[in-house]
């Protein structure tokens, strides 16, 4: 929602994007602009902080990219379809006590491989 709001306010004056070196909430690289997307010292990175309890509950209700933090119907995890058809959110205690790990996508491995080759 914040990206849409910033576009409404500033898009006629500056470019507004939801990425810096990587998409949105993913960890960003140390090198400004990552893959040459932006020139050094040409960007403003805006960070939005949320109340931790509200954020955890929102993640529990819709755990983006966290397949191991859902209760899956048999036969189990489905990676290539919307999760809402195959799973439901965990209860609070199970969600917050489960180890945070999971399957990384091939796309993520390809990004890392390309960056190592370009160093």
Foldseek 3Di string as FASTA:
>chain_A
DVQVVCCVVDVVPDDGDCDWLDGHPDDHDPDGRNVVNDDPPPDDDDDDDDDVVVVLVVCQQPVPPQLVQWAFDPPGTDDPDPCVVTTGGDPDVCNVPDDRDDDDDPVVVVSVVVSVVVD
